[in-house]
Amino acid sequence: MNSLFLIAVIFIFIVAIAALVYLIKSLVDMWREYAATKNETVLLLFILNIVGFFLSGSLISMIVAIIFYWNRSKKMRNLGIILLIAGPILFILLIIGSFTLYDAPMMDWEQMEYEMNL
C-alpha cells in the first residue's frame, strides 16, 4: 500500500512539473508573439500570466495560457485543459488516499468530547 502511495506522489510531482513547463513555454510564446506583432492584448495576457502565478499559484496562469493558445494551437490548448483538470483531481485523490493509507478518521467525535470534558 505504501508503494501505491509513493507512486501517486511521484505522479503528482510529474504533473506539477509538466504544468510548470507548460506555463514557462506559454510565457515564452507570449513574449515572442508580442515582440513580433506588438499586439497589446498579448502583452496584457503576458502580464496577467506572471501576476496570476504569484497570486494564485498556477490556477490563473493556466487559464490565461489556455486563453492565449485557444486559437493558436489546438494541441497546447488541449494539453492545458488536461493539466488544469488533472492537478486538482490528483490532489484530492492524494488527500483521500492518505486518510485511507494511515487509517485516520476524518472526525472522531467521541475523542473530541473526551478531550473537551463534555
PDB file of N, CA and C in Angstrom:
ATOM      1  N   MET A   1       0.818  -1.192   0.000  1.00  0.00           N
ATOM      2  CA  MET A   1       0.000   0.000   0.000  1.00  0.00           C
ATOM      3  C   MET A   1       0.868   1.264   0.000  1.00  0.00           C
ATOM      4  N   ASN A   2       1.991   1.199   0.713  1.00  0.00           N
ATOM      5  CA  ASN A   2       2.871   2.366   0.732  1.00  0.00           C
ATOM      6  C   ASN A   2       3.473   2.641  -0.642  1.00  0.00           C
ATOM      7  N   SER A   3       3.708   1.583  -1.405  1.00  0.00           N
ATOM      8  CA  SER A   3       4.291   1.789  -2.732  1.00  0.00           C
ATOM      9  C   SER A   3       3.295   2.471  -3.666  1.00  0.00           C
ATOM     10  N   LEU A   4       2.002   2.143  -3.544  1.00  0.00           N
ATOM     11  CA  LEU A   4       0.992   2.827  -4.350  1.00  0.00           C
ATOM     12  C   LEU A   4       0.912   4.308  -3.990  1.00  0.00           C
ATOM     13  N   PHE A   5       1.016   4.609  -2.716  1.00  0.00           N
ATOM     14  CA  PHE A   5       1.005   5.996  -2.275  1.00  0.00           C
ATOM     15  C   PHE A   5       2.219   6.738  -2.820  1.00  0.00           C
ATOM     16  N   LEU A   6       3.369   6.096  -2.802  1.00  0.00           N
ATOM     17  CA  LEU A   6       4.591   6.708  -3.340  1.00  0.00           C
ATOM     18  C   LEU A   6       4.484   6.934  -4.839  1.00  0.00           C
ATOM     19  N   ILE A   7       3.899   5.984  -5.562  1.00  0.00           N
ATOM     20  CA  ILE A   7       3.696   6.139  -6.998  1.00  0.00           C
ATOM     21  C   ILE A   7       2.750   7.307  -7.275  1.00  0.00           C
ATOM     22  N   ALA A   8       1.707   7.450  -6.460  1.00  0.00           N
ATOM     23  CA  ALA A   8       0.766   8.565  -6.630  1.00  0.00           C
ATOM     24  C   ALA A   8       1.456   9.898  -6.389  1.00  0.00           C
ATOM     25  N   VAL A   9       2.301   9.980  -5.376  1.00  0.00           N
ATOM     26  CA  VAL A   9       3.028  11.219  -5.090  1.00  0.00           C
ATOM     27  C   VAL A   9       3.973  11.561  -6.233  1.00  0.00           C
ATOM     28  N   ILE A  10       4.668  10.577  -6.759  1.00  0.00           N
ATOM     29  CA  ILE A  10       5.573  10.810  -7.885  1.00  0.00           C
ATOM     30  C   ILE A  10       4.793  11.277  -9.111  1.00  0.00           C
ATOM     31  N   PHE A  11       3.625  10.668  -9.359  1.00  0.00           N
ATOM     32  CA  PHE A  11       2.801  11.067 -10.496  1.00  0.00           C
ATOM     33  C   PHE A  11       2.309  12.501 -10.342  1.00  0.00           C
ATOM     34  N   ILE A  12       1.972  12.903  -9.123  1.00  0.00           N
ATOM     35  CA  ILE A  12       1.531  14.277  -8.876  1.00  0.00           C
ATOM     36  C   ILE A  12       2.679  15.249  -9.135  1.00  0.00           C
ATOM     37  N   PHE A  13       3.892  14.893  -8.721  1.00  0.00           N
ATOM     38  CA  PHE A  13       5.037  15.763  -8.985  1.00  0.00           C
ATOM     39  C   PHE A  13       5.311  15.871 -10.481  1.00  0.00           C
ATOM     40  N   ILE A  14       5.116  14.792 -11.222  1.00  0.00           N
ATOM     41  CA  ILE A  14       5.307  14.836 -12.673  1.00  0.00           C
ATOM     42  C   ILE A  14       4.294  15.774 -13.311  1.00  0.00           C
ATOM     43  N   VAL A  15       3.034  15.705 -12.871  1.00  0.00           N
ATOM     44  CA  VAL A  15       2.004  16.604 -13.406  1.00  0.00           C
ATOM     45  C   VAL A  15       2.325  18.050 -13.042  1.00  0.00           C
ATOM     46  N   ALA A  16       2.805  18.281 -11.820  1.00  0.00           N
ATOM     47  CA  ALA A  16       3.152  19.640 -11.407  1.00  0.00           C
ATOM     48  C   ALA A  16       4.314  20.193 -12.227  1.00  0.00           C
ATOM     49  N   ILE A  17       5.312  19.389 -12.493  1.00  0.00           N
ATOM     50  CA  ILE A  17       6.444  19.834 -13.309  1.00  0.00           C
ATOM     51  C   ILE A  17       5.995  20.087 -14.741  1.00  0.00           C
ATOM     52  N   ALA A  18       5.104  19.228 -15.263  1.00  0.00           N
ATOM     53  CA  ALA A  18       4.580  19.436 -16.620  1.00  0.00           C
ATOM     54  C   ALA A  18       3.796  20.743 -16.690  1.00  0.00           C
ATOM     55  N   ALA A  19       3.028  21.059 -15.655  1.00  0.00           N
ATOM     56  CA  ALA A  19       2.282  22.319 -15.626  1.00  0.00           C
ATOM     57  C   ALA A  19       3.234  23.510 -15.576  1.00  0.00           C
ATOM     58  N   LEU A  20       4.315  23.399 -14.815  1.00  0.00           N
ATOM     59  CA  LEU A  20       5.291  24.484 -14.750  1.00  0.00           C
ATOM     60  C   LEU A  20       5.980  24.688 -16.097  1.00  0.00           C
ATOM     61  N   VAL A  21       6.337  23.609 -16.768  1.00  0.00           N
ATOM     62  CA  VAL A  21       6.945  23.711 -18.092  1.00  0.00           C
ATOM     63  C   VAL A  21       5.956  24.331 -19.080  1.00  0.00           C
ATOM     64  N   TYR A  22       4.689  23.939 -18.981  1.00  0.00           N
ATOM     65  CA  TYR A  22       3.643  24.497 -19.843  1.00  0.00           C
ATOM     66  C   TYR A  22       3.519  26.007 -19.627  1.00  0.00           C
ATOM     67  N   LEU A  23       3.566  26.436 -18.375  1.00  0.00           N
ATOM     68  CA  LEU A  23       3.456  27.875 -18.087  1.00  0.00           C
ATOM     69  C   LEU A  23       4.669  28.646 -18.599  1.00  0.00           C
ATOM     70  N   ILE A  24       5.844  28.089 -18.425  1.00  0.00           N
ATOM     71  CA  ILE A  24       7.049  28.770 -18.917  1.00  0.00           C
ATOM     72  C   ILE A  24       7.030  28.856 -20.445  1.00  0.00           C
ATOM     73  N   LYS A  25       6.605  27.770 -21.104  1.00  0.00           N
ATOM     74  CA  LYS A  25       6.512  27.797 -22.557  1.00  0.00           C
ATOM     75  C   LYS A  25       5.480  28.817 -23.019  1.00  0.00           C
ATOM     76  N   SER A  26       4.371  28.924 -22.303  1.00  0.00           N
ATOM     77  CA  SER A  26       3.360  29.914 -22.686  1.00  0.00           C
ATOM     78  C   SER A  26       3.887  31.331 -22.506  1.00  0.00           C
ATOM     79  N   LEU A  27       4.677  31.566 -21.463  1.00  0.00           N
ATOM     80  CA  LEU A  27       5.268  32.891 -21.284  1.00  0.00           C
ATOM     81  C   LEU A  27       6.227  33.226 -22.420  1.00  0.00           C
ATOM     82  N   VAL A  28       7.040  32.259 -22.807  1.00  0.00           N
ATOM     83  CA  VAL A  28       7.982  32.485 -23.907  1.00  0.00           C
ATOM     84  C   VAL A  28       7.226  32.736 -25.211  1.00  0.00           C
ATOM     85  N   ASP A  29       6.191  31.936 -25.461  1.00  0.00           N
ATOM     86  CA  ASP A  29       5.400  32.130 -26.683  1.00  0.00           C
ATOM     87  C   ASP A  29       4.680  33.470 -26.682  1.00  0.00           C
ATOM     88  N   MET A  30       4.183  33.894 -25.528  1.00  0.00           N
ATOM     89  CA  MET A  30       3.517  35.199 -25.441  1.00  0.00           C
ATOM     90  C   MET A  30       4.493  36.327 -25.730  1.00  0.00           C
ATOM     91  N   TRP A  31       5.692  36.221 -25.167  1.00  0.00           N
ATOM     92  CA  TRP A  31       6.677  37.278 -25.393  1.00  0.00           C
ATOM     93  C   TRP A  31       7.105  37.327 -26.855  1.00  0.00           C
ATOM     94  N   ARG A  32       7.305  36.162 -27.466  1.00  0.00           N
ATOM     95  CA  ARG A  32       7.670  36.134 -28.887  1.00  0.00           C
ATOM     96  C   ARG A  32       6.562  36.712 -29.755  1.00  0.00           C
ATOM     97  N   GLU A  33       5.317  36.384 -29.425  1.00  0.00           N
ATOM     98  CA  GLU A  33       4.180  36.919 -30.181  1.00  0.00           C
ATOM     99  C   GLU A  33       4.100  38.434 -30.028  1.00  0.00           C
ATOM    100  N   TYR A  34       4.324  38.927 -28.807  1.00  0.00           N
ATOM    101  CA  TYR A  34       4.281  40.370 -28.601  1.00  0.00           C
ATOM    102  C   TYR A  34       5.430  41.064 -29.327  1.00  0.00           C
ATOM    103  N   ALA A  35       6.614  40.472 -29.278  1.00  0.00           N
ATOM    104  CA  ALA A  35       7.764  41.082 -29.952  1.00  0.00           C
ATOM    105  C   ALA A  35       7.570  41.127 -31.459  1.00  0.00           C
ATOM    106  N   ALA A  36       6.876  40.148 -32.009  1.00  0.00           N
ATOM    107  CA  ALA A  36       6.683  40.108 -33.458  1.00  0.00           C
ATOM    108  C   ALA A  36       5.542  41.015 -33.918  1.00  0.00           C
ATOM    109  N   THR A  37       4.472  41.086 -33.158  1.00  0.00           N
ATOM    110  CA  THR A  37       3.279  41.802 -33.630  1.00  0.00           C
ATOM    111  C   THR A  37       2.988  43.090 -32.875  1.00  0.00           C
ATOM    112  N   LYS A  38       3.570  43.284 -31.710  1.00  0.00           N
ATOM    113  CA  LYS A  38       3.292  44.431 -30.827  1.00  0.00           C
ATOM    114  C   LYS A  38       1.799  44.517 -30.483  1.00  0.00           C
ATOM    115  N   ASN A  39       1.171  43.356 -30.360  1.00  0.00           N
ATOM    116  CA  ASN A  39      -0.234  43.264 -30.002  1.00  0.00           C
ATOM    117  C   ASN A  39      -0.366  43.484 -28.493  1.00  0.00           C
ATOM    118  N   GLU A  40      -1.130  44.498 -28.105  1.00  0.00           N
ATOM    119  CA  GLU A  40      -1.243  44.833 -26.686  1.00  0.00           C
ATOM    120  C   GLU A  40      -2.046  43.802 -25.906  1.00  0.00           C
ATOM    121  N   THR A  41      -2.915  43.083 -26.573  1.00  0.00           N
ATOM    122  CA  THR A  41      -3.670  42.026 -25.900  1.00  0.00           C
ATOM    123  C   THR A  41      -2.743  40.908 -25.436  1.00  0.00           C
ATOM    124  N   VAL A  42      -1.783  40.573 -26.262  1.00  0.00           N
ATOM    125  CA  VAL A  42      -0.821  39.538 -25.893  1.00  0.00           C
ATOM    126  C   VAL A  42       0.042  40.027 -24.733  1.00  0.00           C
ATOM    127  N   LEU A  43       0.409  41.303 -24.731  1.00  0.00           N
ATOM    128  CA  LEU A  43       1.171  41.858 -23.612  1.00  0.00           C
ATOM    129  C   LEU A  43       0.352  41.805 -22.329  1.00  0.00           C
ATOM    130  N   LEU A  44      -0.940  42.094 -22.416  1.00  0.00           N
ATOM    131  CA  LEU A  44      -1.808  42.013 -21.250  1.00  0.00           C
ATOM    132  C   LEU A  44      -1.891  40.576 -20.737  1.00  0.00           C
ATOM    133  N   LEU A  45      -2.019  39.616 -21.631  1.00  0.00           N
ATOM    134  CA  LEU A  45      -2.043  38.213 -21.221  1.00  0.00           C
ATOM    135  C   LEU A  45      -0.717  37.806 -20.584  1.00  0.00           C
ATOM    136  N   PHE A  46       0.387  38.308 -21.112  1.00  0.00           N
ATOM    137  CA  PHE A  46       1.701  38.023 -20.545  1.00  0.00           C
ATOM    138  C   PHE A  46       1.798  38.546 -19.115  1.00  0.00           C
ATOM    139  N   ILE A  47       1.363  39.775 -18.902  1.00  0.00           N
ATOM    140  CA  ILE A  47       1.408  40.364 -17.560  1.00  0.00           C
ATOM    141  C   ILE A  47       0.465  39.631 -16.616  1.00  0.00           C
ATOM    142  N   LEU A  48      -0.739  39.307 -17.088  1.00  0.00           N
ATOM    143  CA  LEU A  48      -1.688  38.554 -16.262  1.00  0.00           C
ATOM    144  C   LEU A  48      -1.144  37.176 -15.896  1.00  0.00           C
ATOM    145  N   ASN A  49      -0.417  36.571 -16.807  1.00  0.00           N
ATOM    146  CA  ASN A  49       0.168  35.264 -16.547  1.00  0.00           C
ATOM    147  C   ASN A  49       1.197  35.347 -15.423  1.00  0.00           C
ATOM    148  N   ILE A  50       2.050  36.337 -15.458  1.00  0.00           N
ATOM    149  CA  ILE A  50       3.073  36.489 -14.427  1.00  0.00           C
ATOM    150  C   ILE A  50       2.440  36.844 -13.081  1.00  0.00           C
ATOM    151  N   VAL A  51       1.529  37.817 -13.080  1.00  0.00           N
ATOM    152  CA  VAL A  51       0.887  38.235 -11.831  1.00  0.00           C
ATOM    153  C   VAL A  51       0.030  37.103 -11.265  1.00  0.00           C
ATOM    154  N   GLY A  52      -0.688  36.401 -12.126  1.00  0.00           N
ATOM    155  CA  GLY A  52      -1.512  35.288 -11.680  1.00  0.00           C
ATOM    156  C   GLY A  52      -0.718  34.163 -11.066  1.00  0.00           C
ATOM    157  N   PHE A  53       0.487  33.937 -11.562  1.00  0.00           N
ATOM    158  CA  PHE A  53       1.328  32.885 -10.995  1.00  0.00           C
ATOM    159  C   PHE A  53       1.710  33.206  -9.556  1.00  0.00           C
ATOM    160  N   PHE A  54       1.986  34.465  -9.270  1.00  0.00           N
ATOM    161  CA  PHE A  54       2.363  34.835  -7.912  1.00  0.00           C
ATOM    162  C   PHE A  54       1.165  34.983  -6.983  1.00  0.00           C
ATOM    163  N   LEU A  55      -0.002  35.290  -7.521  1.00  0.00           N
ATOM    164  CA  LEU A  55      -1.180  35.458  -6.676  1.00  0.00           C
ATOM    165  C   LEU A  55      -1.864  34.143  -6.335  1.00  0.00           C
ATOM    166  N   SER A  56      -2.026  33.261  -7.305  1.00  0.00           N
ATOM    167  CA  SER A  56      -2.817  32.054  -7.055  1.00  0.00           C
ATOM    168  C   SER A  56      -2.082  30.767  -7.390  1.00  0.00           C
ATOM    169  N   GLY A  57      -0.790  30.804  -7.449  1.00  0.00           N
ATOM    170  CA  GLY A  57      -0.087  29.610  -7.893  1.00  0.00           C
ATOM    171  C   GLY A  57      -0.229  29.489  -9.391  1.00  0.00           C
ATOM    172  N   SER A  58      -0.707  28.361  -9.832  1.00  0.00           N
ATOM    173  CA  SER A  58      -0.782  28.177 -11.278  1.00  0.00           C
ATOM    174  C   SER A  58      -2.195  28.229 -11.828  1.00  0.00           C
ATOM    175  N   LEU A  59      -3.204  28.419 -11.005  1.00  0.00           N
ATOM    176  CA  LEU A  59      -4.586  28.362 -11.492  1.00  0.00           C
ATOM    177  C   LEU A  59      -4.887  29.465 -12.495  1.00  0.00           C
ATOM    178  N   ILE A  60      -4.672  30.712 -12.125  1.00  0.00           N
ATOM    179  CA  ILE A  60      -4.952  31.826 -13.036  1.00  0.00           C
ATOM    180  C   ILE A  60      -4.016  31.765 -14.242  1.00  0.00           C
ATOM    181  N   SER A  61      -2.772  31.413 -14.012  1.00  0.00           N
ATOM    182  CA  SER A  61      -1.813  31.340 -15.113  1.00  0.00           C
ATOM    183  C   SER A  61      -2.183  30.268 -16.122  1.00  0.00           C
ATOM    184  N   MET A  62      -2.681  29.146 -15.648  1.00  0.00           N
ATOM    185  CA  MET A  62      -3.108  28.093 -16.576  1.00  0.00           C
ATOM    186  C   MET A  62      -4.293  28.559 -17.409  1.00  0.00           C
ATOM    187  N   ILE A  63      -5.233  29.239 -16.786  1.00  0.00           N
ATOM    188  CA  ILE A  63      -6.395  29.735 -17.519  1.00  0.00           C
ATOM    189  C   ILE A  63      -5.978  30.772 -18.553  1.00  0.00           C
ATOM    190  N   VAL A  64      -5.070  31.678 -18.179  1.00  0.00           N
ATOM    191  CA  VAL A  64      -4.588  32.687 -19.127  1.00  0.00           C
ATOM    192  C   VAL A  64      -3.827  32.031 -20.281  1.00  0.00           C
ATOM    193  N   ALA A  65      -3.029  31.008 -19.977  1.00  0.00           N
ATOM    194  CA  ALA A  65      -2.291  30.307 -21.040  1.00  0.00           C
ATOM    195  C   ALA A  65      -3.257  29.587 -21.987  1.00  0.00           C
ATOM    196  N   ILE A  66      -4.311  29.002 -21.447  1.00  0.00           N
ATOM    197  CA  ILE A  66      -5.306  28.342 -22.296  1.00  0.00           C
ATOM    198  C   ILE A  66      -5.999  29.369 -23.185  1.00  0.00           C
ATOM    199  N   ILE A  67      -6.307  30.536 -22.635  1.00  0.00           N
ATOM    200  CA  ILE A  67      -6.912  31.607 -23.439  1.00  0.00           C
ATOM    201  C   ILE A  67      -5.961  32.027 -24.562  1.00  0.00           C
ATOM    202  N   PHE A  68      -4.670  32.143 -24.248  1.00  0.00           N
ATOM    203  CA  PHE A  68      -3.691  32.535 -25.257  1.00  0.00           C
ATOM    204  C   PHE A  68      -3.617  31.508 -26.384  1.00  0.00           C
ATOM    205  N   TYR A  69      -3.613  30.230 -26.032  1.00  0.00           N
ATOM    206  CA  TYR A  69      -3.469  29.176 -27.043  1.00  0.00           C
ATOM    207  C   TYR A  69      -4.787  28.794 -27.705  1.00  0.00           C
ATOM    208  N   TRP A  70      -5.904  29.392 -27.315  1.00  0.00           N
ATOM    209  CA  TRP A  70      -7.210  28.929 -27.790  1.00  0.00           C
ATOM    210  C   TRP A  70      -7.312  28.872 -29.311  1.00  0.00           C
ATOM    211  N   ASN A  71      -6.919  29.930 -30.010  1.00  0.00           N
ATOM    212  CA  ASN A  71      -6.983  29.941 -31.472  1.00  0.00           C
ATOM    213  C   ASN A  71      -5.624  29.695 -32.124  1.00  0.00           C
ATOM    214  N   ARG A  72      -4.576  29.585 -31.343  1.00  0.00           N
ATOM    215  CA  ARG A  72      -3.242  29.463 -31.915  1.00  0.00           C
ATOM    216  C   ARG A  72      -2.794  28.017 -32.080  1.00  0.00           C
ATOM    217  N   SER A  73      -3.018  27.184 -31.070  1.00  0.00           N
ATOM    218  CA  SER A  73      -2.535  25.807 -31.120  1.00  0.00           C
ATOM    219  C   SER A  73      -3.525  24.893 -30.395  1.00  0.00           C
ATOM    220  N   LYS A  74      -4.141  24.020 -31.143  1.00  0.00           N
ATOM    221  CA  LYS A  74      -5.126  23.109 -30.567  1.00  0.00           C
ATOM    222  C   LYS A  74      -4.463  22.128 -29.600  1.00  0.00           C
ATOM    223  N   LYS A  75      -3.254  21.678 -29.942  1.00  0.00           N
ATOM    224  CA  LYS A  75      -2.536  20.729 -29.097  1.00  0.00           C
ATOM    225  C   LYS A  75      -2.191  21.346 -27.738  1.00  0.00           C
ATOM    226  N   MET A  76      -1.684  22.573 -27.747  1.00  0.00           N
ATOM    227  CA  MET A  76      -1.325  23.231 -26.489  1.00  0.00           C
ATOM    228  C   MET A  76      -2.577  23.577 -25.672  1.00  0.00           C
ATOM    229  N   ARG A  77      -3.649  23.944 -26.345  1.00  0.00           N
ATOM    230  CA  ARG A  77      -4.902  24.237 -25.652  1.00  0.00           C
ATOM    231  C   ARG A  77      -5.406  22.993 -24.935  1.00  0.00           C
ATOM    232  N   ASN A  78      -5.432  21.864 -25.626  1.00  0.00           N
ATOM    233  CA  ASN A  78      -5.912  20.624 -25.019  1.00  0.00           C
ATOM    234  C   ASN A  78      -5.000  20.155 -23.895  1.00  0.00           C
ATOM    235  N   LEU A  79      -3.696  20.321 -24.071  1.00  0.00           N
ATOM    236  CA  LEU A  79      -2.757  19.956 -23.014  1.00  0.00           C
ATOM    237  C   LEU A  79      -2.989  20.802 -21.767  1.00  0.00           C
ATOM    238  N   GLY A  80      -3.230  22.085 -21.947  1.00  0.00           N
ATOM    239  CA  GLY A  80      -3.507  22.954 -20.813  1.00  0.00           C
ATOM    240  C   GLY A  80      -4.787  22.579 -20.086  1.00  0.00           C
ATOM    241  N   ILE A  81      -5.810  22.221 -20.845  1.00  0.00           N
ATOM    242  CA  ILE A  81      -7.076  21.812 -20.221  1.00  0.00           C
ATOM    243  C   ILE A  81      -6.888  20.520 -19.435  1.00  0.00           C
ATOM    244  N   ILE A  82      -6.138  19.586 -19.986  1.00  0.00           N
ATOM    245  CA  ILE A  82      -5.883  18.322 -19.285  1.00  0.00           C
ATOM    246  C   ILE A  82      -5.096  18.568 -18.005  1.00  0.00           C
ATOM    247  N   LEU A  83      -4.062  19.410 -18.069  1.00  0.00           N
ATOM    248  CA  LEU A  83      -3.274  19.705 -16.875  1.00  0.00           C
ATOM    249  C   LEU A  83      -4.093  20.471 -15.840  1.00  0.00           C
ATOM    250  N   LEU A  84      -4.955  21.350 -16.303  1.00  0.00           N
ATOM    251  CA  LEU A  84      -5.799  22.124 -15.386  1.00  0.00           C
ATOM    252  C   LEU A  84      -6.783  21.226 -14.653  1.00  0.00           C
ATOM    253  N   ILE A  85      -7.294  20.221 -15.317  1.00  0.00           N
ATOM    254  CA  ILE A  85      -8.240  19.302 -14.680  1.00  0.00           C
ATOM    255  C   ILE A  85      -7.510  18.256 -13.841  1.00  0.00           C
ATOM    256  N   ALA A  86      -6.372  17.764 -14.317  1.00  0.00           N
ATOM    257  CA  ALA A  86      -5.663  16.680 -13.638  1.00  0.00           C
ATOM    258  C   ALA A  86      -5.065  17.105 -12.301  1.00  0.00           C
ATOM    259  N   GLY A  87      -4.604  18.335 -12.191  1.00  0.00           N
ATOM    260  CA  GLY A  87      -3.963  18.775 -10.960  1.00  0.00           C
ATOM    261  C   GLY A  87      -4.859  18.689  -9.735  1.00  0.00           C
ATOM    262  N   PRO A  88      -6.010  19.369  -9.722  1.00  0.00           N
ATOM    263  CA  PRO A  88      -6.877  19.285  -8.538  1.00  0.00           C
ATOM    264  C   PRO A  88      -7.430  17.886  -8.287  1.00  0.00           C
ATOM    265  N   ILE A  89      -7.735  17.137  -9.347  1.00  0.00           N
ATOM    266  CA  ILE A  89      -8.262  15.783  -9.145  1.00  0.00           C
ATOM    267  C   ILE A  89      -7.212  14.894  -8.472  1.00  0.00           C
ATOM    268  N   LEU A  90      -5.975  14.974  -8.928  1.00  0.00           N
ATOM    269  CA  LEU A  90      -4.919  14.170  -8.309  1.00  0.00           C
ATOM    270  C   LEU A  90      -4.655  14.601  -6.876  1.00  0.00           C
ATOM    271  N   PHE A  91      -4.754  15.891  -6.600  1.00  0.00           N
ATOM    272  CA  PHE A  91      -4.538  16.364  -5.237  1.00  0.00           C
ATOM    273  C   PHE A  91      -5.631  15.842  -4.305  1.00  0.00           C
ATOM    274  N   ILE A  92      -6.878  15.883  -4.749  1.00  0.00           N
ATOM    275  CA  ILE A  92      -7.983  15.366  -3.938  1.00  0.00           C
ATOM    276  C   ILE A  92      -7.823  13.865  -3.707  1.00  0.00           C
ATOM    277  N   LEU A  93      -7.446  13.135  -4.751  1.00  0.00           N
ATOM    278  CA  LEU A  93      -7.221  11.705  -4.590  1.00  0.00           C
ATOM    279  C   LEU A  93      -6.066  11.420  -3.637  1.00  0.00           C
ATOM    280  N   LEU A  94      -5.040  12.255  -3.641  1.00  0.00           N
ATOM    281  CA  LEU A  94      -3.925  12.085  -2.712  1.00  0.00           C
ATOM    282  C   LEU A  94      -4.383  12.290  -1.273  1.00  0.00           C
ATOM    283  N   ILE A  95      -5.207  13.287  -1.025  1.00  0.00           N
ATOM    284  CA  ILE A  95      -5.701  13.533   0.327  1.00  0.00           C
ATOM    285  C   ILE A  95      -6.553  12.364   0.796  1.00  0.00           C
ATOM    286  N   ILE A  96      -7.476  11.916  -0.049  1.00  0.00           N
ATOM    287  CA  ILE A  96      -8.323  10.781   0.325  1.00  0.00           C
ATOM    288  C   ILE A  96      -7.487   9.525   0.534  1.00  0.00           C
ATOM    289  N   GLY A  97      -6.510   9.325  -0.334  1.00  0.00           N
ATOM    290  CA  GLY A  97      -5.632   8.166  -0.195  1.00  0.00           C
ATOM    291  C   GLY A  97      -4.790   8.208   1.062  1.00  0.00           C
ATOM    292  N   SER A  98      -4.367   9.389   1.479  1.00  0.00           N
ATOM    293  CA  SER A  98      -3.563   9.473   2.702  1.00  0.00           C
ATOM    294  C   SER A  98      -4.398   9.149   3.927  1.00  0.00           C
ATOM    295  N   PHE A  99      -5.681   9.508   3.933  1.00  0.00           N
ATOM    296  CA  PHE A  99      -6.537   9.146   5.064  1.00  0.00           C
ATOM    297  C   PHE A  99      -6.776   7.640   5.112  1.00  0.00           C
ATOM    298  N   THR A 100      -6.963   7.027   3.965  1.00  0.00           N
ATOM    299  CA  THR A 100      -7.181   5.584   3.963  1.00  0.00           C
ATOM    300  C   THR A 100      -5.889   4.818   4.204  1.00  0.00           C
ATOM    301  N   LEU A 101      -4.759   5.375   3.796  1.00  0.00           N
ATOM    302  CA  LEU A 101      -3.479   4.695   3.994  1.00  0.00           C
ATOM    303  C   LEU A 101      -3.124   4.606   5.464  1.00  0.00           C
ATOM    304  N   TYR A 102      -3.309   5.683   6.181  1.00  0.00           N
ATOM    305  CA  TYR A 102      -2.951   5.712   7.590  1.00  0.00           C
ATOM    306  C   TYR A 102      -4.135   5.419   8.499  1.00  0.00           C
ATOM    307  N   ASP A 103      -5.274   5.050   7.908  1.00  0.00           N
ATOM    308  CA  ASP A 103      -6.468   4.658   8.639  1.00  0.00           C
ATOM    309  C   ASP A 103      -6.853   5.714   9.672  1.00  0.00           C
ATOM    310  N   ALA A 104      -6.792   6.960   9.270  1.00  0.00           N
ATOM    311  CA  ALA A 104      -7.135   8.071  10.151  1.00  0.00           C
ATOM    312  C   ALA A 104      -8.579   8.481   9.906  1.00  0.00           C
ATOM    313  N   PRO A 105      -9.344   8.610  10.972  1.00  0.00           N
ATOM    314  CA  PRO A 105     -10.735   9.058  10.780  1.00  0.00           C
ATOM    315  C   PRO A 105     -10.779  10.544  10.457  1.00  0.00           C
ATOM    316  N   MET A 106     -11.777  10.927   9.702  1.00  0.00           N
ATOM    317  CA  MET A 106     -11.933  12.339   9.365  1.00  0.00           C
ATOM    318  C   MET A 106     -12.252  13.151  10.620  1.00  0.00           C
ATOM    319  N   MET A 107     -13.179  12.646  11.432  1.00  0.00           N
ATOM    320  CA  MET A 107     -13.557  13.371  12.636  1.00  0.00           C
ATOM    321  C   MET A 107     -14.020  12.338  13.665  1.00  0.00           C
ATOM    322  N   ASP A 108     -13.380  12.301  14.797  1.00  0.00           N
ATOM    323  CA  ASP A 108     -13.735  11.365  15.850  1.00  0.00           C
ATOM    324  C   ASP A 108     -14.406  12.154  16.968  1.00  0.00           C
ATOM    325  N   TRP A 109     -15.733  12.142  16.985  1.00  0.00           N
ATOM    326  CA  TRP A 109     -16.482  12.977  17.920  1.00  0.00           C
ATOM    327  C   TRP A 109     -16.317  12.510  19.361  1.00  0.00           C
ATOM    328  N   GLU A 110     -16.228  11.203  19.601  1.00  0.00           N
ATOM    329  CA  GLU A 110     -16.072  10.735  20.980  1.00  0.00           C
ATOM    330  C   GLU A 110     -14.747  11.209  21.572  1.00  0.00           C
ATOM    331  N   GLN A 111     -13.703  11.164  20.759  1.00  0.00           N
ATOM    332  CA  GLN A 111     -12.405  11.626  21.242  1.00  0.00           C
ATOM    333  C   GLN A 111     -12.428  13.129  21.518  1.00  0.00           C
ATOM    334  N   MET A 112     -13.099  13.888  20.674  1.00  0.00           N
ATOM    335  CA  MET A 112     -13.187  15.330  20.897  1.00  0.00           C
ATOM    336  C   MET A 112     -13.974  15.647  22.159  1.00  0.00           C
ATOM    337  N   GLU A 113     -15.066  14.923  22.409  1.00  0.00           N
ATOM    338  CA  GLU A 113     -15.853  15.143  23.632  1.00  0.00           C
ATOM    339  C   GLU A 113     -15.048  14.798  24.867  1.00  0.00           C
ATOM    340  N   TYR A 114     -14.244  13.729  24.781  1.00  0.00           N
ATOM    341  CA  TYR A 114     -13.428  13.341  25.924  1.00  0.00           C
ATOM    342  C   TYR A 114     -12.359  14.397  26.206  1.00  0.00           C
ATOM    343  N   GLU A 115     -11.737  14.918  25.161  1.00  0.00           N
ATOM    344  CA  GLU A 115     -10.696  15.924  25.333  1.00  0.00           C
ATOM    345  C   GLU A 115     -11.248  17.235  25.853  1.00  0.00           C
ATOM    346  N   MET A 116     -12.482  17.559  25.459  1.00  0.00           N
ATOM    347  CA  MET A 116     -13.084  18.810  25.902  1.00  0.00           C
ATOM    348  C   MET A 116     -13.846  18.660  27.202  1.00  0.00           C
ATOM    349  N   ASN A 117     -13.893  17.443  27.772  1.00  0.00           N
ATOM    350  CA  ASN A 117     -14.603  17.146  29.016  1.00  0.00           C
ATOM    351  C   ASN A 117     -16.069  17.538  28.960  1.00  0.00           C
ATOM    352  N   LEU A 118     -16.736  17.137  27.893  1.00  0.00           N
ATOM    353  CA  LEU A 118     -18.156  17.435  27.767  1.00  0.00           C
ATOM    354  C   LEU A 118     -18.994  16.331  28.351  1.00  0.00           C
TER     355      LEU A 118
END
